Amino acid sequence: MLYRTTEPLRFDELEKAAANFHPDADKSIYKDGGAAVERLMKEMNDHRLLEKHHWFSLFNPRQREEALMLFEVLINCNDWDTAVNNAAYFREHMNEGEFVYAIYATVIHSKLGEGIVLPPLYEVTPHMFTNSEVIQKAYTAQMTQTPGKFKMEFTGSKKNPEQHVAYFGEDIGMNVHHVTWHLDFPFWWNDDFGYHLDRKGELFFWAHHQLTVRFDAERLSNHLNLVDELYWDRPIKEGFAPHTTYRYGGEFPTRPDNVKFEDVDGVIRVRDMIIHETRIRDAIAHGYITAADGTHIDIRNAEGIDHLGDIIESSLYSPNAQYYGAL
């Protein structure tokens, strides 16, 4: 199912399922009575879905919505055959990035996925974890039918002291772990999907705290200072060029040296980010979070860090996302 997702299915059984299965023909095969598949089929028949061979970003609201439409269809399947048939069908009709994301999320969160070991994402989408120079060499080797081994260099110059810790920030395994963690505890999770993600906010705080303190430890062992705080009114001194690419859509954007925070038209303003940060700091100082209905949620107890993590991440578990924003 995940073999060369940018190309048509190559396995006979899956190919037949994609050609002969009609997702909305029998609504009794779904836990929700077919509500999710009806919605997705309508979007598809109205030609509203993102086309194939187009970049996919989870942080594009519409693209995320489409990926979660497929996730809802798959997680509501009553049995294995229904799930496989739907996956085969929509693999041929939906954007590859949306499909891959929905498949991984479903296998992780559906009971039907228990025991399944998915290939690591760097095997399915290597261009997102390997720099573009290696990808180009691999393409050339494939086109010329010339086997080879390619060494992946770090993204920056050896003259830059920050490259002393590039082995940590650019480690493929660690980056896959980070992506997979966010699939285990996605910010878009709604308990209507079937169950509650226990201590999700606390785990968000803990996981990212562990990453940052480990990075600081690696920096100290390489004679570098601790990571400096971000200040909204000061430039970020160190730039970064990831050298990774979308399968379709070019390379990931770079960040120049000494870049300043600026408003993003129609998305967010720096002023709003400052206000949201201030409100979170005030909540910590006061010892309570203000919920959407105006009540106070005490954070000076064992559950406090869970609530605090929810508002910092701004997941759907946030008790007041409109007030505390999405830093």
Protein backbone atom coordinates (compact mmCIF):
# COMPACT_ATOMS: atom_id res chain seq x y z
CA MET A 1 0.00 0.00 0.00
CA LEU A 2 2.88 2.37 0.82
CA TYR A 3 5.15 1.19 -2.00
CA ARG A 4 5.91 4.08 -4.34
CA THR A 5 2.89 6.09 -3.31
CA THR A 6 3.35 8.58 -6.15
CA GLU A 7 2.71 5.79 -8.68
CA PRO A 8 -0.38 3.61 -9.33
CA LEU A 9 -0.83 0.44 -7.27
CA ARG A 10 1.27 -2.47 -8.47
CA PHE A 11 -0.19 -5.38 -6.51
CA ASP A 12 -3.05 -7.33 -8.08
CA GLU A 13 -5.32 -7.64 -5.03
CA LEU A 14 -5.03 -3.97 -4.13
CA GLU A 15 -5.39 -2.94 -7.76
CA LYS A 16 -8.66 -4.91 -8.01
CA ALA A 17 -9.93 -3.40 -4.76
CA ALA A 18 -9.20 0.11 -5.99
CA ALA A 19 -11.03 -0.56 -9.26
CA ASN A 20 -14.05 -2.51 -7.99
CA PHE A 21 -14.75 -1.25 -4.46
CA HIS A 22 -17.39 1.45 -3.97
CA PRO A 23 -16.88 3.05 -0.53
CA ASP A 24 -20.41 4.41 -0.15
CA ALA A 25 -22.33 1.45 -1.59
CA ASP A 26 -22.97 -0.22 1.79
CA LYS A 27 -23.10 2.08 4.83
CA SER A 28 -23.48 -0.81 7.29
CA ILE A 29 -19.75 -1.60 7.07
CA TYR A 30 -18.95 1.59 9.01
CA LYS A 31 -19.30 2.33 12.71
CA ASP A 32 -20.70 5.79 12.01
CA GLY A 33 -23.27 4.58 9.49
CA GLY A 34 -21.21 5.89 6.61
CA ALA A 35 -21.30 9.58 7.61
CA ALA A 36 -17.54 10.08 7.14
CA VAL A 37 -17.36 8.29 3.79
CA GLU A 38 -20.38 10.20 2.50
CA ARG A 39 -18.67 13.48 3.27
CA LEU A 40 -15.38 12.46 1.65
CA MET A 41 -17.06 11.04 -1.46
CA LYS A 42 -19.04 14.25 -1.89
CA GLU A 43 -15.87 16.33 -1.71
CA MET A 44 -14.19 14.01 -4.21
CA ASN A 45 -17.11 13.98 -6.65
CA ASP A 46 -17.33 17.78 -6.45
CA HIS A 47 -13.61 17.93 -7.36
CA ARG A 48 -12.77 19.82 -4.19
CA LEU A 49 -9.91 17.59 -3.02
CA LEU A 50 -6.25 18.49 -3.47
CA GLU A 51 -4.94 17.05 -6.72
CA LYS A 52 -2.28 14.35 -6.83
CA HIS A 53 1.38 15.32 -7.34
CA HIS A 54 1.03 18.42 -5.17
CA TRP A 55 2.86 19.26 -1.95
CA PHE A 56 1.03 18.51 1.31
CA SER A 57 1.39 20.36 4.60
CA LEU A 58 -0.35 19.41 7.83
CA PHE A 59 -0.39 23.10 8.77
CA ASN A 60 -2.46 24.03 5.74
CA PRO A 61 -5.97 23.94 7.29
CA ARG A 62 -7.74 22.69 4.15
CA GLN A 63 -5.16 20.02 3.38
CA ARG A 64 -5.24 18.83 7.00
CA GLU A 65 -9.04 18.70 6.83
CA GLU A 66 -8.90 16.47 3.76
CA ALA A 67 -6.35 14.10 5.33
CA LEU A 68 -8.53 13.83 8.43
CA MET A 69 -11.59 13.10 6.28
CA LEU A 70 -9.82 9.96 5.08
CA PHE A 71 -8.64 9.21 8.63
CA GLU A 72 -12.26 9.33 9.83
CA VAL A 73 -13.33 6.95 7.07
CA LEU A 74 -10.60 4.45 7.94
CA ILE A 75 -10.98 4.62 11.71
CA ASN A 76 -14.73 4.00 11.35
CA CYS A 77 -14.31 0.79 9.33
CA ASN A 78 -15.85 -2.22 11.04
CA ASP A 79 -13.33 -4.78 9.83
CA TRP A 80 -9.95 -5.27 8.17
CA ASP A 81 -11.26 -5.90 4.65
CA THR A 82 -13.29 -2.69 4.69
CA ALA A 83 -10.25 -0.70 5.82
CA VAL A 84 -7.96 -2.23 3.18
CA ASN A 85 -10.50 -1.71 0.38
CA ASN A 86 -11.02 1.91 1.37
CA ALA A 87 -7.28 2.51 1.61
CA ALA A 88 -6.71 1.03 -1.84
CA TYR A 89 -9.55 3.02 -3.36
CA PHE A 90 -8.59 6.39 -1.90
CA ARG A 91 -4.87 5.81 -2.58
CA GLU A 92 -5.77 6.07 -6.26
CA HIS A 93 -8.04 9.10 -5.84
CA MET A 94 -6.39 11.36 -3.23
CA ASN A 95 -3.22 13.35 -2.85
CA GLU A 96 -0.27 11.14 -1.88
CA GLY A 97 0.78 13.24 1.11
CA GLU A 98 -2.73 13.30 2.55
CA PHE A 99 -3.04 9.55 1.99
CA VAL A 100 0.25 8.68 3.72
CA TYR A 101 -0.55 10.87 6.72
CA ALA A 102 -4.03 9.36 7.10
CA ILE A 103 -2.69 5.80 6.84
CA TYR A 104 -0.06 6.31 9.54
CA ALA A 105 -2.50 8.06 11.87
CA THR A 106 -5.07 5.29 11.39
CA VAL A 107 -2.68 2.41 12.00
CA ILE A 108 -1.45 4.10 15.18
CA HIS A 109 -4.91 4.89 16.59
CA SER A 110 -7.24 2.18 15.24
CA LYS A 111 -7.68 -1.21 16.91
CA LEU A 112 -7.43 -2.73 13.44
CA GLY A 113 -3.84 -1.48 13.31
CA GLU A 114 -2.65 -3.30 16.42
CA GLY A 115 0.48 -5.33 15.69
CA ILE A 116 1.19 -3.64 12.36
CA VAL A 117 4.76 -2.36 12.00
CA LEU A 118 4.80 0.43 9.44
CA PRO A 119 7.96 1.30 7.51
CA PRO A 120 9.72 4.34 8.97
CA LEU A 121 8.68 7.55 7.26
CA TYR A 122 12.18 8.15 5.91
CA GLU A 123 11.62 5.12 3.66
CA VAL A 124 8.24 6.33 2.39
CA THR A 125 9.11 10.04 2.09
CA PRO A 126 12.94 10.10 2.02
CA HIS A 127 13.05 13.58 0.47
CA MET A 128 11.68 15.02 3.74
CA PHE A 129 14.53 13.55 5.84
CA THR A 130 17.48 13.49 3.43
CA ASN A 131 19.12 16.52 1.88
CA SER A 132 18.38 17.32 -1.74
CA GLU A 133 21.93 16.63 -2.91
CA VAL A 134 21.62 12.96 -1.96
CA ILE A 135 18.15 12.72 -3.50
CA GLN A 136 19.47 14.12 -6.80
CA LYS A 137 22.37 11.65 -6.80
CA ALA A 138 19.92 8.82 -6.17
CA TYR A 139 17.71 9.97 -9.06
CA THR A 140 20.74 10.11 -11.35
CA ALA A 141 21.82 6.63 -10.30
CA GLN A 142 18.32 5.31 -10.98
CA MET A 143 18.11 6.92 -14.41
CA THR A 144 21.53 5.66 -15.45
CA GLN A 145 21.06 2.27 -13.76
CA THR A 146 24.31 2.81 -11.88
CA PRO A 147 24.28 1.53 -8.27
CA GLY A 148 26.11 3.70 -5.76
CA LYS A 149 26.53 4.77 -2.15
CA PHE A 150 26.07 8.43 -1.30
CA LYS A 151 27.35 10.17 1.79
CA MET A 152 24.99 12.73 3.25
CA GLU A 153 26.79 15.86 4.41
CA PHE A 154 25.45 18.27 6.99
CA THR A 155 23.65 21.34 5.70
CA GLY A 156 26.01 24.11 6.80
CA SER A 157 29.64 25.14 6.54
CA LYS A 158 32.26 23.70 8.88
CA LYS A 159 33.27 27.29 9.60
CA ASN A 160 29.96 27.79 11.41
CA PRO A 161 30.29 26.73 15.09
CA GLU A 162 26.65 25.59 15.06
CA GLN A 163 27.66 22.74 12.76
CA HIS A 164 29.34 21.12 15.77
CA VAL A 165 25.88 19.95 16.85
CA ALA A 166 24.42 19.32 13.40
CA TYR A 167 24.71 15.59 14.12
CA PHE A 168 21.89 16.05 16.64
CA GLY A 169 19.50 18.43 14.86
CA GLU A 170 19.87 16.70 11.50
CA ASP A 171 19.77 13.12 12.74
CA ILE A 172 17.26 11.18 10.63
CA GLY A 173 16.24 8.85 13.44
CA MET A 174 15.56 11.66 15.88
CA ASN A 175 13.53 13.60 13.32
CA VAL A 176 11.43 10.54 12.50
CA HIS A 177 10.90 10.00 16.22
CA HIS A 178 9.66 13.58 16.56
CA VAL A 179 7.23 13.24 13.65
CA THR A 180 5.99 9.89 14.97
CA TRP A 181 5.48 11.33 18.45
CA HIS A 182 3.18 13.97 16.96
CA LEU A 183 1.27 11.21 15.16
CA ASP A 184 0.83 9.44 18.51
CA PHE A 185 -0.39 12.65 20.16
CA PRO A 186 -1.71 14.86 17.34
CA PHE A 187 -2.84 18.41 18.08
CA TRP A 188 -6.00 17.81 16.01
CA TRP A 189 -7.18 14.85 18.10
CA ASN A 190 -10.83 14.91 19.08
CA ASP A 191 -12.21 12.43 21.61
CA ASP A 192 -15.07 11.76 19.18
CA PHE A 193 -12.56 9.56 17.34
CA GLY A 194 -13.07 6.96 20.03
CA TYR A 195 -11.01 7.60 23.15
CA HIS A 196 -9.18 10.19 25.24
CA LEU A 197 -5.42 10.71 24.93
CA ASP A 198 -4.45 10.57 28.58
CA ARG A 199 -2.04 13.28 29.83
CA LYS A 200 -1.52 14.53 26.30
CA GLY A 201 -0.57 18.07 27.37
CA GLU A 202 1.81 16.80 30.04
CA LEU A 203 3.51 14.50 27.54
CA PHE A 204 3.78 17.36 25.03
CA PHE A 205 5.60 19.44 27.62
CA TRP A 206 7.78 16.53 28.78
CA ALA A 207 8.82 15.35 25.30
CA HIS A 208 9.82 18.80 24.08
CA HIS A 209 11.53 19.61 27.36
CA GLN A 210 13.60 16.43 27.00
CA LEU A 211 14.58 17.38 23.45
CA THR A 212 15.67 20.89 24.42
CA VAL A 213 17.67 19.90 27.50
CA ARG A 214 19.40 17.12 25.54
CA PHE A 215 20.28 19.65 22.83
CA ASP A 216 21.69 21.98 25.48
CA ALA A 217 23.76 19.10 26.88
CA GLU A 218 25.13 18.34 23.41
CA ARG A 219 25.99 22.02 22.96
CA LEU A 220 27.88 22.18 26.26
CA SER A 221 29.87 19.06 25.34
CA ASN A 222 30.87 20.83 22.12
CA HIS A 223 31.93 24.05 23.87
CA LEU A 224 28.86 26.01 22.73
CA ASN A 225 26.57 28.18 24.82
CA LEU A 226 23.08 27.10 25.81
CA VAL A 227 20.31 27.92 23.35
CA ASP A 228 19.31 31.54 23.73
CA GLU A 229 15.69 32.49 24.29
CA LEU A 230 13.62 33.88 21.46
CA TYR A 231 12.70 37.54 21.78
CA TRP A 232 10.00 39.00 19.60
CA ASP A 233 11.88 42.30 19.22
CA ARG A 234 15.30 40.80 18.42
CA PRO A 235 16.49 39.04 15.25
CA ILE A 236 17.31 35.32 15.16
CA LYS A 237 21.07 35.42 14.61
CA GLU A 238 21.60 31.96 13.15
CA GLY A 239 19.95 31.12 9.83
CA PHE A 240 19.16 27.62 8.64
CA ALA A 241 18.83 25.96 5.25
CA PRO A 242 17.28 22.49 5.70
CA HIS A 243 18.13 21.27 2.16
CA THR A 244 15.12 18.96 2.33
CA THR A 245 12.40 19.03 -0.31
CA TYR A 246 8.75 18.45 -0.97
CA ARG A 247 8.20 15.59 -3.41
CA TYR A 248 6.41 18.18 -5.51
CA GLY A 249 6.89 21.87 -4.82
CA GLY A 250 10.60 22.54 -4.44
CA GLU A 251 12.86 22.80 -1.40
CA PHE A 252 11.78 23.66 2.13
CA PRO A 253 12.09 27.40 2.83
CA THR A 254 15.34 28.66 4.34
CA ARG A 255 15.78 31.10 7.21
CA PRO A 256 18.45 33.76 6.56
CA ASP A 257 20.80 35.02 9.28
CA ASN A 258 19.48 37.83 11.48
CA VAL A 259 15.88 37.39 10.38
CA LYS A 260 13.28 39.41 12.29
CA PHE A 261 9.81 38.31 13.30
CA GLU A 262 7.24 39.79 10.94
CA ASP A 263 3.48 39.67 10.50
CA VAL A 264 2.14 37.01 8.14
CA ASP A 265 -0.73 38.57 6.23
CA GLY A 266 -4.02 36.83 6.92
CA VAL A 267 -2.43 34.36 9.34
CA ILE A 268 -0.88 35.95 12.42
CA ARG A 269 0.61 39.21 13.69
CA VAL A 270 3.64 39.53 15.96
CA ARG A 271 1.56 41.65 18.30
CA ASP A 272 -0.92 38.78 18.73
CA MET A 273 1.90 36.32 19.50
CA ILE A 274 3.23 38.66 22.20
CA ILE A 275 -0.26 38.92 23.72
CA HIS A 276 -0.72 35.13 23.70
CA GLU A 277 2.65 34.57 25.36
CA THR A 278 1.85 37.18 28.00
CA ARG A 279 -1.47 35.49 28.78
CA ILE A 280 0.23 32.11 29.22
CA ARG A 281 2.87 33.64 31.50
CA ASP A 282 0.12 35.33 33.49
CA ALA A 283 -1.68 32.00 33.87
CA ILE A 284 1.50 30.46 35.29
CA ALA A 285 2.01 33.39 37.66
CA HIS A 286 -1.61 33.37 38.87
CA GLY A 287 -1.80 29.60 39.17
CA TYR A 288 -4.88 29.14 37.05
CA ILE A 289 -6.04 29.03 33.42
CA THR A 290 -9.15 30.89 32.33
CA ALA A 291 -11.47 28.49 30.48
CA ALA A 292 -13.67 29.54 27.56
CA ASP A 293 -16.69 29.84 29.87
CA GLY A 294 -14.81 32.16 32.24
CA THR A 295 -14.20 29.61 34.98
CA HIS A 296 -10.75 29.10 36.49
CA ILE A 297 -8.78 25.85 36.10
CA ASP A 298 -6.29 25.36 38.92
CA ILE A 299 -2.81 24.41 37.67
CA ARG A 300 -1.19 24.15 41.10
CA ASN A 301 -1.85 20.42 41.32
CA ALA A 302 -0.88 17.15 39.61
CA GLU A 303 -3.06 17.92 36.57
CA GLY A 304 -1.73 21.44 36.13
CA ILE A 305 1.10 20.60 33.75
CA ASP A 306 -1.37 18.70 31.54
CA HIS A 307 -3.58 21.77 31.15
CA LEU A 308 -0.55 24.00 30.66
CA GLY A 309 0.80 21.76 27.90
CA ASP A 310 -2.57 21.86 26.17
CA ILE A 311 -2.63 25.67 25.94
CA ILE A 312 1.04 25.95 24.93
CA GLU A 313 0.60 23.45 22.09
CA SER A 314 -2.88 24.78 21.42
CA SER A 315 -4.37 21.39 20.68
CA LEU A 316 -8.11 20.76 20.56
CA TYR A 317 -7.76 19.89 24.25
CA SER A 318 -6.97 23.53 25.04
CA PRO A 319 -9.67 24.87 27.37
CA ASN A 320 -9.51 28.29 25.72
CA ALA A 321 -7.69 28.27 22.36
CA GLN A 322 -9.18 31.61 21.31
CA TYR A 323 -7.73 33.37 24.36
CA TYR A 324 -4.35 31.62 24.63
CA GLY A 325 -3.78 31.33 20.90
CA ALA A 326 -1.49 28.93 19.01
CA LEU A 327 2.13 29.78 19.71
